[in-house]
Protein backbone atom coordinates (compact mmCIF):
# COMPACT_ATOMS: atom_id res chain seq x y z
CA MET A 1 0.00 0.00 0.00
CA GLY A 2 2.95 2.34 0.63
CA PRO A 3 4.01 2.64 -3.05
CA ILE A 4 0.44 3.34 -4.13
CA LEU A 5 0.07 6.10 -1.55
CA PHE A 6 3.40 7.61 -2.66
CA ILE A 7 2.26 7.64 -6.30
CA ILE A 8 -0.95 9.39 -5.27
CA TYR A 9 1.12 11.83 -3.19
CA ILE A 10 3.35 12.88 -6.11
CA ASN A 11 0.69 12.55 -8.82
CA ASP A 12 0.46 16.32 -9.40
CA LEU A 13 4.21 16.80 -10.08
CA PRO A 14 4.00 16.39 -13.89
CA GLU A 15 1.14 18.88 -13.99
CA VAL A 16 3.15 21.41 -11.97
CA CYS A 17 6.17 21.15 -14.26
CA LYS A 18 4.57 20.57 -17.67
CA GLN A 19 4.43 24.26 -18.61
CA PHE A 20 8.19 24.34 -19.20
CA ILE A 21 9.67 20.82 -19.14
CA ASN A 22 8.71 17.17 -19.25
CA VAL A 23 8.65 14.86 -16.25
CA TYR A 24 8.78 11.08 -16.13
CA LEU A 25 7.85 9.28 -12.92
CA PHE A 26 8.67 5.69 -12.08
CA ALA A 27 8.05 4.51 -8.53
CA ASP A 28 10.01 6.95 -6.32
CA ASP A 29 12.13 8.25 -9.20
CA ALA A 30 11.49 11.45 -11.19
CA LYS A 31 13.25 12.60 -14.32
CA LEU A 32 12.94 16.17 -15.47
CA TYR A 33 14.15 16.88 -18.97
CA LYS A 34 14.25 19.56 -21.63
CA HIS A 35 15.82 19.89 -25.04
CA VAL A 36 18.33 22.71 -24.38
CA MET A 37 19.52 24.50 -27.50
CA THR A 38 19.81 28.11 -26.34
CA ASP A 39 20.56 30.11 -23.23
CA ASP A 40 16.81 30.73 -22.90
CA ASP A 41 16.22 26.95 -22.80
CA HIS A 42 18.84 26.69 -20.07
CA GLN A 43 17.09 29.36 -18.03
CA VAL A 44 13.70 27.66 -18.53
CA LEU A 45 15.12 24.38 -17.23
CA GLN A 46 16.60 26.11 -14.18
CA LYS A 47 13.30 27.90 -13.59
CA ASP A 48 11.46 24.60 -13.56
CA LEU A 49 14.04 23.07 -11.23
CA ASN A 50 13.15 25.95 -8.92
CA THR A 51 9.44 25.13 -9.39
CA PHE A 52 10.21 21.50 -8.57
CA GLN A 53 12.01 22.60 -5.41
CA GLU A 54 9.06 24.80 -4.40
CA TRP A 55 6.70 21.86 -4.98
CA SER A 56 8.82 19.57 -2.80
CA ASP A 57 9.00 22.21 -0.06
CA ARG A 58 5.22 22.72 -0.15
CA TRP A 59 4.60 18.96 0.24
CA LEU A 60 7.41 18.57 2.83
CA LEU A 61 9.15 16.07 0.56
CA ARG A 62 12.88 16.21 1.23
CA LEU A 63 15.10 15.78 -1.80
CA ASN A 64 18.41 13.96 -1.66
CA VAL A 65 20.48 16.36 -3.77
CA ASN A 66 23.41 13.93 -3.74
CA LYS A 67 21.33 11.56 -5.88
CA CYS A 68 20.28 14.29 -8.30
CA LYS A 69 22.44 14.37 -11.43
CA ILE A 70 22.55 16.25 -14.71
CA ALA A 71 23.18 14.26 -17.88
CA PHE A 72 23.68 15.82 -21.29
CA TYR A 73 22.87 13.79 -24.40
CA GLY A 74 23.73 14.53 -28.01
CA ARG A 75 26.28 16.34 -30.12
CA ASP A 76 27.43 19.94 -29.73
CA VAL A 77 26.30 20.07 -26.12
CA ASN A 78 27.28 23.09 -24.04
CA TYR A 79 28.65 21.52 -20.87
CA GLU A 80 29.24 24.91 -19.27
CA TYR A 81 25.66 25.12 -18.03
CA LYS A 82 25.29 24.68 -14.30
CA TYR A 83 22.02 23.75 -12.67
CA TYR A 84 21.06 24.17 -9.03
CA LEU A 85 18.65 22.51 -6.65
CA LEU A 86 18.33 23.54 -3.00
CA SER A 87 21.11 26.09 -3.65
CA THR A 88 23.48 23.24 -4.49
CA ALA A 89 25.12 22.80 -7.88
CA LEU A 90 24.01 19.50 -9.38
CA GLU A 91 26.73 17.10 -10.46
CA SER A 92 27.10 16.65 -14.22
CA VAL A 93 27.86 13.07 -15.30
CA ASP A 94 28.89 11.51 -18.63
CA VAL A 95 27.54 8.06 -17.78
CA ILE A 96 24.38 7.39 -15.80
CA LYS A 97 22.53 4.26 -14.72
CA ASP A 98 18.80 4.47 -15.23
CA LEU A 99 16.51 1.58 -14.29
CA GLY A 100 19.41 -0.84 -14.59
CA VAL A 101 20.64 0.39 -17.97
CA VAL A 102 23.88 2.37 -18.24
CA LEU A 103 23.82 5.19 -20.81
CA ASP A 104 26.57 7.56 -21.87
CA SER A 105 26.30 11.09 -23.27
CA GLU A 106 26.04 9.75 -26.85
CA LEU A 107 23.26 7.29 -25.93
CA SER A 108 25.43 4.31 -26.71
CA PHE A 109 25.45 1.12 -24.71
CA VAL A 110 29.26 0.71 -24.78
CA SER A 111 29.61 1.41 -21.03
CA TYR A 112 26.76 -0.99 -20.27
CA CYS A 113 28.28 -3.76 -22.39
CA LYS A 114 31.74 -3.25 -20.84
CA LYS A 115 30.25 -3.46 -17.35
CA LYS A 116 28.42 -6.70 -18.17
CA ILE A 117 31.54 -8.22 -19.79
CA ASN A 118 33.67 -7.29 -16.76
CA LYS A 119 31.08 -8.84 -14.46
CA LEU A 120 31.17 -12.01 -16.56
CA HIS A 121 34.98 -12.18 -16.39
CA VAL A 122 34.95 -11.77 -12.60
CA GLY A 123 32.51 -14.67 -12.41
CA PHE A 124 35.05 -16.97 -14.07
CA ASP A 125 37.95 -16.11 -11.75
């Protein structure tokens, strides 16, 4: 019953954020994303991160900022952008694990395959 109540509790989050960015929810995990091409897009994403923070404060839902990461995908990405949540700069990562799948900044599965191969080799030692 706990997971169902949590889903009901956070059910309004996509509606709160949908004006500027997209939100995906899975269990207790939320992903906020935006296609950032310009400085204005960057500012819109930061604005919605602030909206997300206000939403979490209003519902007394504490965020673990250490688990919050920024991942950039695609070519010609401006990695100079910094994003903040709870007045803390979010860590930017090149490789991220999402629902058991490891993705890199070019959306290739090379890191995932290497990890699985290394795990297989360790199993034979």
